[in-house]
Amino acid sequence: MRAFVTGLDGFAGQWLARELLTAGAEVAGGSRVANPSFSILTADEAAAVRWHPFELDDRASVEAAFADARPDAIYHLAAQASVADSFADPAATFQTNAVGTGNVLEAARASTPDAAVLFVGSADAYGTVTPAELPLRESAELRPANPYAASKAAAESIALQFGRTGLLRVVATRSFNHTGPGQRTAFAIPAFAKQIADIKRGSADPVLRVGNLDARRDLSDVRDVVRAYRLIVERGETGDVYNVCSGASVSMRSIVDELIRISGASVRIEVDPNRLRRNDTPDLVGDNARVRERTGWSPTIPLGRTLADVLAWLVARE
């Protein structure tokens, strides 16, 4: 099988490339950069990947990349993924995430119409929910509460219409929070782990600055998540959307406590107002029955191992 991954040089994109290579696929991919810098892929894995730079807002460049790679499956991960950046520039976020997804779909339709397409969406599209609505099923109403979530909800709608009207074979995910080794410290868990690693080695004061630790999130390991992506492409129903989640939520406080325990560091916790998110959902947990039943997938990596691996990754890179 020939696979193409948009956003391949990103955190999840690199882990997906590894998953696909391990499964025996020929892997191509790209993003807007001409010369990618891979932090997760080994030198041999990076050499096995064919790279195609393109711009999501330039349909012709995406179409040329697909025409050259001739993929059997397209995994669309490229996106503006920062909620904070989406508040700073909502229009650019919508352009990248929604219009860019439309360009990917039109390019696939023009150059590789028989390819399966996976649109990777976000559980943020569910928005603020009540406890009575949990766990969230795919039938739940989408009520996005920030510009990033709105852009992903719009992109999902575009993608599913292509699948449901027979223009392409399209499947979609609503991916809940996931982390793992190599995630940027702009995200909460690696940000916590980086601070703790610095405290442990004595290069920072023993103060861990945090946001809202009462929030609860459904958290998965990225290695489980990318395996779900591969199985959804192989076994998912065209026009369907699948929650990719663990099916349980944990508090951010328990995550911080576990990272501190693993590190053995002595840490004082302080709330930093700059780390508090507007419209923060108190609890978010998904129902993963559909993806389990359709693909046979289930998460296998325990949270403790994920957090230990995140911390070890950051310690090894100092």
C-alpha atoms as a PDB file:
ATOM      1  CA  MET A   1       0.000   0.000   0.000  1.00  0.00           C
ATOM      2  CA  ARG A   2       1.140   3.557  -0.741  1.00  0.00           C
ATOM      3  CA  ALA A   3       0.258   6.099   1.966  1.00  0.00           C
ATOM      4  CA  PHE A   4       0.520   9.887   1.977  1.00  0.00           C
ATOM      5  CA  VAL A   5       0.542  11.854   5.253  1.00  0.00           C
ATOM      6  CA  THR A   6      -0.074  15.607   5.281  1.00  0.00           C
ATOM      7  CA  GLY A   7       1.722  17.214   8.203  1.00  0.00           C
ATOM      8  CA  LEU A   8       4.136  14.293   8.288  1.00  0.00           C
ATOM      9  CA  ASP A   9       6.836  16.343  10.038  1.00  0.00           C
ATOM     10  CA  GLY A  10       4.512  17.025  12.985  1.00  0.00           C
ATOM     11  CA  PHE A  11       4.260  15.093  16.236  1.00  0.00           C
ATOM     12  CA  ALA A  12       1.418  12.717  15.295  1.00  0.00           C
ATOM     13  CA  GLY A  13       2.516  12.688  11.653  1.00  0.00           C
ATOM     14  CA  GLN A  14       5.911  11.223  12.471  1.00  0.00           C
ATOM     15  CA  TRP A  15       4.435   8.588  14.749  1.00  0.00           C
ATOM     16  CA  LEU A  16       1.925   7.718  12.014  1.00  0.00           C
ATOM     17  CA  ALA A  17       4.735   7.415   9.466  1.00  0.00           C
ATOM     18  CA  ARG A  18       6.481   4.955  11.774  1.00  0.00           C
ATOM     19  CA  GLU A  19       3.249   2.988  12.249  1.00  0.00           C
ATOM     20  CA  LEU A  20       2.705   2.785   8.489  1.00  0.00           C
ATOM     21  CA  LEU A  21       6.317   1.850   7.727  1.00  0.00           C
ATOM     22  CA  THR A  22       6.151  -0.895  10.352  1.00  0.00           C
ATOM     23  CA  ALA A  23       2.951  -2.184   8.707  1.00  0.00           C
ATOM     24  CA  GLY A  24       4.786  -2.466   5.379  1.00  0.00           C
ATOM     25  CA  ALA A  25       3.424   0.608   3.595  1.00  0.00           C
ATOM     26  CA  GLU A  26       5.329   2.842   1.218  1.00  0.00           C
ATOM     27  CA  VAL A  27       5.121   6.248   2.884  1.00  0.00           C
ATOM     28  CA  ALA A  28       5.184   9.698   1.347  1.00  0.00           C
ATOM     29  CA  GLY A  29       4.134  12.957   2.884  1.00  0.00           C
ATOM     30  CA  GLY A  30       4.796  16.583   3.248  1.00  0.00           C
ATOM     31  CA  SER A  31       3.980  20.002   4.605  1.00  0.00           C
ATOM     32  CA  ARG A  32       4.922  23.550   3.689  1.00  0.00           C
ATOM     33  CA  VAL A  33       8.624  23.143   4.548  1.00  0.00           C
ATOM     34  CA  ALA A  34      11.085  22.185   1.816  1.00  0.00           C
ATOM     35  CA  ASN A  35      13.546  20.430   4.141  1.00  0.00           C
ATOM     36  CA  PRO A  36      11.840  18.698   7.075  1.00  0.00           C
ATOM     37  CA  SER A  37      13.487  18.230  10.448  1.00  0.00           C
ATOM     38  CA  PHE A  38      12.396  14.937  11.981  1.00  0.00           C
ATOM     39  CA  SER A  39      12.707  14.587  15.758  1.00  0.00           C
ATOM     40  CA  ILE A  40      10.942  11.232  16.158  1.00  0.00           C
ATOM     41  CA  LEU A  41      11.794   9.242  13.039  1.00  0.00           C
ATOM     42  CA  THR A  42      15.185   7.549  12.936  1.00  0.00           C
ATOM     43  CA  ALA A  43      17.585   8.356  10.104  1.00  0.00           C
ATOM     44  CA  ASP A  44      16.622   5.114   8.351  1.00  0.00           C
ATOM     45  CA  GLU A  45      12.897   5.819   8.745  1.00  0.00           C
ATOM     46  CA  ALA A  46      13.307   9.383   7.482  1.00  0.00           C
ATOM     47  CA  ALA A  47      15.252   8.123   4.468  1.00  0.00           C
ATOM     48  CA  ALA A  48      12.398   5.724   3.667  1.00  0.00           C
ATOM     49  CA  VAL A  49       9.875   8.560   3.420  1.00  0.00           C
ATOM     50  CA  ARG A  50       9.357  10.452   0.140  1.00  0.00           C
ATOM     51  CA  TRP A  51       8.924  14.164   0.855  1.00  0.00           C
ATOM     52  CA  HIS A  52       6.654  16.543  -1.100  1.00  0.00           C
ATOM     53  CA  PRO A  53       6.459  20.180   0.044  1.00  0.00           C
ATOM     54  CA  PHE A  54       3.130  21.916  -0.595  1.00  0.00           C
ATOM     55  CA  GLU A  55       0.888  24.691   0.719  1.00  0.00           C
ATOM     56  CA  LEU A  56      -2.599  23.804   1.930  1.00  0.00           C
ATOM     57  CA  ASP A  57      -3.950  27.039   0.467  1.00  0.00           C
ATOM     58  CA  ASP A  58      -2.446  26.179  -2.933  1.00  0.00           C
ATOM     59  CA  ARG A  59      -4.572  23.369  -4.354  1.00  0.00           C
ATOM     60  CA  ALA A  60      -2.294  22.894  -7.358  1.00  0.00           C
ATOM     61  CA  SER A  61       0.724  22.155  -5.151  1.00  0.00           C
ATOM     62  CA  VAL A  62      -1.265  19.570  -3.158  1.00  0.00           C
ATOM     63  CA  GLU A  63      -2.551  17.981  -6.357  1.00  0.00           C
ATOM     64  CA  ALA A  64       0.974  17.770  -7.773  1.00  0.00           C
ATOM     65  CA  ALA A  65       2.202  16.033  -4.604  1.00  0.00           C
ATOM     66  CA  PHE A  66      -0.610  13.470  -4.751  1.00  0.00           C
ATOM     67  CA  ALA A  67      -0.133  12.880  -8.471  1.00  0.00           C
ATOM     68  CA  ASP A  68       3.555  12.146  -7.935  1.00  0.00           C
ATOM     69  CA  ALA A  69       3.063   9.917  -4.873  1.00  0.00           C
ATOM     70  CA  ARG A  70      -0.002   8.042  -6.268  1.00  0.00           C
ATOM     71  CA  PRO A  71      -1.256   7.063  -2.794  1.00  0.00           C
ATOM     72  CA  ASP A  72      -3.823   4.409  -2.022  1.00  0.00           C
ATOM     73  CA  ALA A  73      -4.564   6.207   1.259  1.00  0.00           C
ATOM     74  CA  ILE A  74      -4.249   9.849   2.301  1.00  0.00           C
ATOM     75  CA  TYR A  75      -4.014  10.748   5.983  1.00  0.00           C
ATOM     76  CA  HIS A  76      -4.831  14.433   6.408  1.00  0.00           C
ATOM     77  CA  LEU A  77      -3.198  15.614   9.642  1.00  0.00           C
ATOM     78  CA  ALA A  78      -1.841  19.030   8.597  1.00  0.00           C
ATOM     79  CA  ALA A  79      -3.565  21.805  10.558  1.00  0.00           C
ATOM     80  CA  GLN A  80      -3.180  24.879  12.702  1.00  0.00           C
ATOM     81  CA  ALA A  81      -3.559  23.056  16.011  1.00  0.00           C
ATOM     82  CA  SER A  82      -3.125  25.777  18.645  1.00  0.00           C
ATOM     83  CA  VAL A  83      -6.240  27.053  20.409  1.00  0.00           C
ATOM     84  CA  ALA A  84      -4.308  30.128  21.593  1.00  0.00           C
ATOM     85  CA  ASP A  85      -3.185  30.920  18.035  1.00  0.00           C
ATOM     86  CA  SER A  86      -6.758  30.493  16.812  1.00  0.00           C
ATOM     87  CA  PHE A  87      -7.916  33.299  19.119  1.00  0.00           C
ATOM     88  CA  ALA A  88      -5.072  35.497  17.854  1.00  0.00           C
ATOM     89  CA  ASP A  89      -5.968  34.907  14.185  1.00  0.00           C
ATOM     90  CA  PRO A  90      -9.299  33.144  13.665  1.00  0.00           C
ATOM     91  CA  ALA A  91      -9.412  33.821   9.931  1.00  0.00           C
ATOM     92  CA  ALA A  92      -6.013  32.257   9.260  1.00  0.00           C
ATOM     93  CA  THR A  93      -6.977  29.249  11.362  1.00  0.00           C
ATOM     94  CA  PHE A  94     -10.168  28.758   9.342  1.00  0.00           C
ATOM     95  CA  GLN A  95      -8.256  29.213   6.089  1.00  0.00           C
ATOM     96  CA  THR A  96      -5.730  26.531   7.000  1.00  0.00           C
ATOM     97  CA  ASN A  97      -8.037  24.035   8.642  1.00  0.00           C
ATOM     98  CA  ALA A  98     -11.309  24.312   6.720  1.00  0.00           C
ATOM     99  CA  VAL A  99     -10.362  25.717   3.316  1.00  0.00           C
ATOM    100  CA  GLY A 100      -7.123  23.715   3.375  1.00  0.00           C
ATOM    101  CA  THR A 101      -9.092  20.524   3.957  1.00  0.00           C
ATOM    102  CA  GLY A 102     -11.302  21.383   0.999  1.00  0.00           C
ATOM    103  CA  ASN A 103      -8.178  21.772  -1.116  1.00  0.00           C
ATOM    104  CA  VAL A 104      -6.848  18.382   0.010  1.00  0.00           C
ATOM    105  CA  LEU A 105     -10.148  16.723  -0.905  1.00  0.00           C
ATOM    106  CA  GLU A 106     -10.401  18.423  -4.295  1.00  0.00           C
ATOM    107  CA  ALA A 107      -6.767  17.553  -5.036  1.00  0.00           C
ATOM    108  CA  ALA A 108      -7.408  13.919  -4.139  1.00  0.00           C
ATOM    109  CA  ARG A 109     -10.520  13.861  -6.305  1.00  0.00           C
ATOM    110  CA  ALA A 110      -8.570  15.254  -9.258  1.00  0.00           C
ATOM    111  CA  SER A 111      -5.374  13.203  -9.019  1.00  0.00           C
ATOM    112  CA  THR A 112      -6.095  10.061  -6.958  1.00  0.00           C
ATOM    113  CA  PRO A 113      -9.887   9.549  -6.943  1.00  0.00           C
ATOM    114  CA  ASP A 114      -9.649   5.938  -5.797  1.00  0.00           C
ATOM    115  CA  ALA A 115      -7.589   6.743  -2.684  1.00  0.00           C
ATOM    116  CA  ALA A 116      -9.127   6.467   0.772  1.00  0.00           C
ATOM    117  CA  VAL A 117      -8.919   9.734   2.722  1.00  0.00           C
ATOM    118  CA  LEU A 118      -8.790  10.065   6.499  1.00  0.00           C
ATOM    119  CA  PHE A 119      -9.653  13.491   7.892  1.00  0.00           C
ATOM    120  CA  VAL A 120      -8.253  13.821  11.409  1.00  0.00           C
ATOM    121  CA  GLY A 121     -10.666  15.981  13.361  1.00  0.00           C
ATOM    122  CA  SER A 122     -10.826  17.093  16.962  1.00  0.00           C
ATOM    123  CA  ALA A 123     -13.027  16.346  19.956  1.00  0.00           C
ATOM    124  CA  ASP A 124     -12.805  20.092  20.651  1.00  0.00           C
ATOM    125  CA  ALA A 125     -15.606  20.344  18.102  1.00  0.00           C
ATOM    126  CA  TYR A 126     -18.016  18.971  20.724  1.00  0.00           C
ATOM    127  CA  GLY A 127     -17.486  22.180  22.728  1.00  0.00           C
ATOM    128  CA  THR A 128     -18.734  22.716  26.255  1.00  0.00           C
ATOM    129  CA  VAL A 129     -20.801  19.769  27.424  1.00  0.00           C
ATOM    130  CA  THR A 130     -22.752  18.862  30.550  1.00  0.00           C
ATOM    131  CA  PRO A 131     -21.997  15.833  32.736  1.00  0.00           C
ATOM    132  CA  ALA A 132     -25.261  14.279  31.576  1.00  0.00           C
ATOM    133  CA  GLU A 133     -23.929  14.167  27.994  1.00  0.00           C
ATOM    134  CA  LEU A 134     -20.849  12.141  28.912  1.00  0.00           C
ATOM    135  CA  PRO A 135     -19.393   9.955  27.570  1.00  0.00           C
ATOM    136  CA  LEU A 136     -19.717  11.689  24.226  1.00  0.00           C
ATOM    137  CA  ARG A 137     -20.913   9.586  21.311  1.00  0.00           C
ATOM    138  CA  GLU A 138     -20.493  10.517  17.680  1.00  0.00           C
ATOM    139  CA  SER A 139     -24.200  11.404  17.526  1.00  0.00           C
ATOM    140  CA  ALA A 140     -23.703  14.301  19.973  1.00  0.00           C
ATOM    141  CA  GLU A 141     -24.289  17.846  18.744  1.00  0.00           C
ATOM    142  CA  LEU A 142     -21.190  19.861  17.814  1.00  0.00           C
ATOM    143  CA  ARG A 143     -21.032  23.167  19.726  1.00  0.00           C
ATOM    144  CA  PRO A 144     -17.455  24.412  19.201  1.00  0.00           C
ATOM    145  CA  ALA A 145     -16.398  27.003  21.777  1.00  0.00           C
ATOM    146  CA  ASN A 146     -13.230  28.457  20.217  1.00  0.00           C
ATOM    147  CA  PRO A 147     -12.043  29.346  16.698  1.00  0.00           C
ATOM    148  CA  TYR A 148      -9.836  26.244  16.401  1.00  0.00           C
ATOM    149  CA  ALA A 149     -12.741  23.951  17.294  1.00  0.00           C
ATOM    150  CA  ALA A 150     -15.044  25.770  14.877  1.00  0.00           C
ATOM    151  CA  SER A 151     -12.537  25.402  12.046  1.00  0.00           C
ATOM    152  CA  LYS A 152     -12.197  21.665  12.702  1.00  0.00           C
ATOM    153  CA  ALA A 153     -15.972  21.208  12.862  1.00  0.00           C
ATOM    154  CA  ALA A 154     -16.314  22.981   9.514  1.00  0.00           C
ATOM    155  CA  ALA A 155     -13.521  20.907   7.972  1.00  0.00           C
ATOM    156  CA  GLU A 156     -15.127  17.690   9.222  1.00  0.00           C
ATOM    157  CA  SER A 157     -18.433  18.669   7.658  1.00  0.00           C
ATOM    158  CA  ILE A 158     -16.728  19.271   4.309  1.00  0.00           C
ATOM    159  CA  ALA A 159     -14.851  15.966   4.493  1.00  0.00           C
ATOM    160  CA  LEU A 160     -17.886  13.879   5.417  1.00  0.00           C
ATOM    161  CA  GLN A 161     -19.939  15.400   2.609  1.00  0.00           C
ATOM    162  CA  PHE A 162     -17.334  14.212   0.119  1.00  0.00           C
ATOM    163  CA  GLY A 163     -17.723  10.711   1.548  1.00  0.00           C
ATOM    164  CA  ARG A 164     -21.494  10.671   1.880  1.00  0.00           C
ATOM    165  CA  THR A 165     -22.100  11.950  -1.656  1.00  0.00           C
ATOM    166  CA  GLY A 166     -19.719   9.420  -3.204  1.00  0.00           C
ATOM    167  CA  LEU A 167     -17.091  11.913  -4.374  1.00  0.00           C
ATOM    168  CA  LEU A 168     -14.343  10.097  -2.458  1.00  0.00           C
ATOM    169  CA  ARG A 169     -13.976   7.356   0.098  1.00  0.00           C
ATOM    170  CA  VAL A 170     -13.637   9.559   3.197  1.00  0.00           C
ATOM    171  CA  VAL A 171     -13.627   8.631   6.871  1.00  0.00           C
ATOM    172  CA  ALA A 172     -13.067  11.026   9.771  1.00  0.00           C
ATOM    173  CA  THR A 173     -12.026  11.039  13.387  1.00  0.00           C
ATOM    174  CA  ARG A 174     -12.806  13.173  16.379  1.00  0.00           C
ATOM    175  CA  SER A 175      -9.550  12.668  18.185  1.00  0.00           C
ATOM    176  CA  PHE A 176      -9.456  13.385  21.898  1.00  0.00           C
ATOM    177  CA  ASN A 177      -6.338  14.540  23.739  1.00  0.00           C
ATOM    178  CA  HIS A 178      -3.231  12.499  23.089  1.00  0.00           C
ATOM    179  CA  THR A 179       0.402  12.848  24.020  1.00  0.00           C
ATOM    180  CA  GLY A 180       3.664  10.967  23.911  1.00  0.00           C
ATOM    181  CA  PRO A 181       7.395  11.343  23.389  1.00  0.00           C
ATOM    182  CA  GLY A 182       8.266  14.204  21.075  1.00  0.00           C
ATOM    183  CA  GLN A 183       5.206  16.408  21.567  1.00  0.00           C
ATOM    184  CA  ARG A 184       6.014  20.127  21.595  1.00  0.00           C
ATOM    185  CA  THR A 185       6.164  21.873  24.962  1.00  0.00           C
ATOM    186  CA  ALA A 186       3.486  24.302  23.748  1.00  0.00           C
ATOM    187  CA  PHE A 187       1.062  21.581  24.874  1.00  0.00           C
ATOM    188  CA  ALA A 188       0.176  21.045  28.517  1.00  0.00           C
ATOM    189  CA  ILE A 189       1.650  17.655  29.402  1.00  0.00           C
ATOM    190  CA  PRO A 190       5.084  18.103  27.794  1.00  0.00           C
ATOM    191  CA  ALA A 191       5.100  21.652  29.225  1.00  0.00           C
ATOM    192  CA  PHE A 192       4.641  20.206  32.717  1.00  0.00           C
ATOM    193  CA  ALA A 193       7.232  17.513  32.054  1.00  0.00           C
ATOM    194  CA  LYS A 194       9.791  20.025  30.732  1.00  0.00           C
ATOM    195  CA  GLN A 195       9.461  22.179  33.840  1.00  0.00           C
ATOM    196  CA  ILE A 196       9.807  19.133  36.095  1.00  0.00           C
ATOM    197  CA  ALA A 197      12.858  17.885  34.174  1.00  0.00           C
ATOM    198  CA  ASP A 198      14.496  21.312  34.562  1.00  0.00           C
ATOM    199  CA  ILE A 199      13.725  21.335  38.289  1.00  0.00           C
ATOM    200  CA  LYS A 200      15.102  17.813  38.686  1.00  0.00           C
ATOM    201  CA  ARG A 201      18.425  18.709  37.067  1.00  0.00           C
ATOM    202  CA  GLY A 202      18.677  21.935  39.112  1.00  0.00           C
ATOM    203  CA  SER A 203      18.407  24.358  36.200  1.00  0.00           C
ATOM    204  CA  ALA A 204      15.125  25.907  37.382  1.00  0.00           C
ATOM    205  CA  ASP A 205      13.529  26.953  40.653  1.00  0.00           C
ATOM    206  CA  PRO A 206      11.371  24.210  42.204  1.00  0.00           C
ATOM    207  CA  VAL A 207       8.124  25.863  41.078  1.00  0.00           C
ATOM    208  CA  LEU A 208       5.791  24.203  38.584  1.00  0.00           C
ATOM    209  CA  ARG A 209       3.570  26.773  36.857  1.00  0.00           C
ATOM    210  CA  VAL A 210       0.251  25.346  35.748  1.00  0.00           C
ATOM    211  CA  GLY A 211      -3.166  26.248  34.410  1.00  0.00           C
ATOM    212  CA  ASN A 212      -6.487  24.726  35.454  1.00  0.00           C
ATOM    213  CA  LEU A 213      -5.681  21.407  37.122  1.00  0.00           C
ATOM    214  CA  ASP A 214      -9.328  20.641  37.871  1.00  0.00           C
ATOM    215  CA  ALA A 215     -10.093  20.043  34.194  1.00  0.00           C
ATOM    216  CA  ARG A 216     -10.522  16.392  33.259  1.00  0.00           C
ATOM    217  CA  ARG A 217      -9.518  15.019  29.884  1.00  0.00           C
ATOM    218  CA  ASP A 218      -9.771  11.763  27.960  1.00  0.00           C
ATOM    219  CA  LEU A 219      -6.092  11.117  27.275  1.00  0.00           C
ATOM    220  CA  SER A 220      -4.489   8.547  24.965  1.00  0.00           C
ATOM    221  CA  ASP A 221      -0.975   7.652  23.916  1.00  0.00           C
ATOM    222  CA  VAL A 222      -0.109   8.891  20.421  1.00  0.00           C
ATOM    223  CA  ARG A 223       1.148   5.414  19.507  1.00  0.00           C
ATOM    224  CA  ASP A 224      -2.312   3.974  20.179  1.00  0.00           C
ATOM    225  CA  VAL A 225      -3.927   6.857  18.298  1.00  0.00           C
ATOM    226  CA  VAL A 226      -1.959   6.430  15.068  1.00  0.00           C
ATOM    227  CA  ARG A 227      -2.688   2.706  15.103  1.00  0.00           C
ATOM    228  CA  ALA A 228      -6.375   3.646  15.238  1.00  0.00           C
ATOM    229  CA  TYR A 229      -5.889   5.918  12.218  1.00  0.00           C
ATOM    230  CA  ARG A 230      -4.400   3.085  10.183  1.00  0.00           C
ATOM    231  CA  LEU A 231      -7.206   0.694  11.142  1.00  0.00           C
ATOM    232  CA  ILE A 232      -9.928   3.266  10.411  1.00  0.00           C
ATOM    233  CA  VAL A 233      -8.564   3.722   6.890  1.00  0.00           C
ATOM    234  CA  GLU A 234      -8.440  -0.043   6.406  1.00  0.00           C
ATOM    235  CA  ARG A 235     -11.799  -0.929   7.978  1.00  0.00           C
ATOM    236  CA  GLY A 236     -13.852   2.231   8.513  1.00  0.00           C
ATOM    237  CA  GLU A 237     -17.156   2.919   6.786  1.00  0.00           C
ATOM    238  CA  THR A 238     -17.125   5.676   4.169  1.00  0.00           C
ATOM    239  CA  GLY A 239     -18.830   8.825   5.455  1.00  0.00           C
ATOM    240  CA  ASP A 240     -18.537   7.806   9.111  1.00  0.00           C
ATOM    241  CA  VAL A 241     -16.804   9.656  11.942  1.00  0.00           C
ATOM    242  CA  TYR A 242     -15.055   7.840  14.801  1.00  0.00           C
ATOM    243  CA  ASN A 243     -14.134   8.998  18.281  1.00  0.00           C
ATOM    244  CA  VAL A 244     -10.505   8.082  18.953  1.00  0.00           C
ATOM    245  CA  CYS A 245     -10.218   8.120  22.723  1.00  0.00           C
ATOM    246  CA  SER A 246      -9.485   6.025  25.791  1.00  0.00           C
ATOM    247  CA  GLY A 247     -13.043   6.107  27.109  1.00  0.00           C
ATOM    248  CA  ALA A 248     -12.060   7.506  30.529  1.00  0.00           C
ATOM    249  CA  SER A 249     -11.065  10.939  31.796  1.00  0.00           C
ATOM    250  CA  VAL A 250      -8.336  11.909  34.239  1.00  0.00           C
ATOM    251  CA  SER A 251      -7.747  15.210  36.000  1.00  0.00           C
ATOM    252  CA  MET A 252      -4.831  17.380  34.999  1.00  0.00           C
ATOM    253  CA  ARG A 253      -3.933  17.423  38.702  1.00  0.00           C
ATOM    254  CA  SER A 254      -3.482  13.643  38.725  1.00  0.00           C
ATOM    255  CA  ILE A 255      -1.250  13.912  35.635  1.00  0.00           C
ATOM    256  CA  VAL A 256       0.928  16.529  37.327  1.00  0.00           C
ATOM    257  CA  ASP A 257       1.099  14.439  40.513  1.00  0.00           C
ATOM    258  CA  GLU A 258       2.175  11.370  38.511  1.00  0.00           C
ATOM    259  CA  LEU A 259       4.874  13.274  36.614  1.00  0.00           C
ATOM    260  CA  ILE A 260       6.249  14.590  39.917  1.00  0.00           C
ATOM    261  CA  ARG A 261       6.170  11.091  41.418  1.00  0.00           C
ATOM    262  CA  ILE A 262       7.975   9.569  38.433  1.00  0.00           C
ATOM    263  CA  SER A 263      10.649  12.276  38.512  1.00  0.00           C
ATOM    264  CA  GLY A 264      11.254  12.155  42.255  1.00  0.00           C
ATOM    265  CA  ALA A 265      11.587  15.952  42.219  1.00  0.00           C
ATOM    266  CA  SER A 266      10.492  18.237  45.061  1.00  0.00           C
ATOM    267  CA  VAL A 267       8.099  20.709  43.458  1.00  0.00           C
ATOM    268  CA  ARG A 268       5.816  23.566  44.534  1.00  0.00           C
ATOM    269  CA  ILE A 269       2.788  24.097  42.283  1.00  0.00           C
ATOM    270  CA  GLU A 270       1.622  27.603  41.350  1.00  0.00           C
ATOM    271  CA  VAL A 271      -1.272  28.596  39.076  1.00  0.00           C
ATOM    272  CA  ASP A 272      -0.169  30.901  36.258  1.00  0.00           C
ATOM    273  CA  PRO A 273      -3.091  33.047  34.973  1.00  0.00           C
ATOM    274  CA  ASN A 274      -1.469  33.098  31.528  1.00  0.00           C
ATOM    275  CA  ARG A 275      -1.895  29.325  31.324  1.00  0.00           C
ATOM    276  CA  LEU A 276      -5.642  29.411  31.928  1.00  0.00           C
ATOM    277  CA  ARG A 277      -7.732  28.774  28.807  1.00  0.00           C
ATOM    278  CA  ARG A 278     -10.842  30.709  27.904  1.00  0.00           C
ATOM    279  CA  ASN A 279     -13.998  28.576  27.676  1.00  0.00           C
ATOM    280  CA  ASP A 280     -12.247  25.609  29.281  1.00  0.00           C
ATOM    281  CA  THR A 281     -14.470  22.509  29.333  1.00  0.00           C
ATOM    282  CA  PRO A 282     -14.551  20.991  32.853  1.00  0.00           C
ATOM    283  CA  ASP A 283     -14.711  17.378  31.678  1.00  0.00           C
ATOM    284  CA  LEU A 284     -14.386  15.730  28.290  1.00  0.00           C
ATOM    285  CA  VAL A 285     -14.608  11.995  27.808  1.00  0.00           C
ATOM    286  CA  GLY A 286     -15.575  10.023  24.748  1.00  0.00           C
ATOM    287  CA  ASP A 287     -17.272   6.746  23.940  1.00  0.00           C
ATOM    288  CA  ASN A 288     -15.025   4.622  21.712  1.00  0.00           C
ATOM    289  CA  ALA A 289     -17.501   1.800  21.050  1.00  0.00           C
ATOM    290  CA  ARG A 290     -17.878   2.619  17.348  1.00  0.00           C
ATOM    291  CA  VAL A 291     -14.176   2.438  16.522  1.00  0.00           C
ATOM    292  CA  ARG A 292     -13.757  -0.694  18.627  1.00  0.00           C
ATOM    293  CA  GLU A 293     -16.639  -2.482  16.950  1.00  0.00           C
ATOM    294  CA  ARG A 294     -15.772  -1.411  13.415  1.00  0.00           C
ATOM    295  CA  THR A 295     -11.986  -1.878  13.478  1.00  0.00           C
ATOM    296  CA  GLY A 296     -11.133  -4.085  16.456  1.00  0.00           C
ATOM    297  CA  TRP A 297      -8.945  -1.314  17.881  1.00  0.00           C
ATOM    298  CA  SER A 298      -8.444  -0.760  21.581  1.00  0.00           C
ATOM    299  CA  PRO A 299      -5.897   1.304  23.510  1.00  0.00           C
ATOM    300  CA  THR A 300      -3.012  -0.732  24.925  1.00  0.00           C
ATOM    301  CA  ILE A 301      -0.506   1.705  26.467  1.00  0.00           C
ATOM    302  CA  PRO A 302      -1.188   2.663  30.113  1.00  0.00           C
ATOM    303  CA  LEU A 303      -1.073   6.330  31.102  1.00  0.00           C
ATOM    304  CA  GLY A 304       1.808   5.788  33.519  1.00  0.00           C
ATOM    305  CA  ARG A 305       4.035   4.506  30.734  1.00  0.00           C
ATOM    306  CA  THR A 306       3.047   7.409  28.469  1.00  0.00           C
ATOM    307  CA  LEU A 307       3.953   9.994  31.104  1.00  0.00           C
ATOM    308  CA  ALA A 308       7.222   8.249  31.949  1.00  0.00           C
ATOM    309  CA  ASP A 309       8.151   8.183  28.254  1.00  0.00           C
ATOM    310  CA  VAL A 310       7.325  11.887  27.817  1.00  0.00           C
ATOM    311  CA  LEU A 311       9.510  12.784  30.788  1.00  0.00           C
ATOM    312  CA  ALA A 312      12.362  10.501  29.655  1.00  0.00           C
ATOM    313  CA  TRP A 313      12.270  12.030  26.162  1.00  0.00           C
ATOM    314  CA  LEU A 314      12.685  15.549  27.538  1.00  0.00           C
ATOM    315  CA  VAL A 315      15.420  14.549  29.987  1.00  0.00           C
ATOM    316  CA  ALA A 316      17.391  12.809  27.196  1.00  0.00           C
ATOM    317  CA  ARG A 317      17.339  15.920  25.030  1.00  0.00           C
ATOM    318  CA  GLU A 318      19.036  18.277  27.489  1.00  0.00           C
END
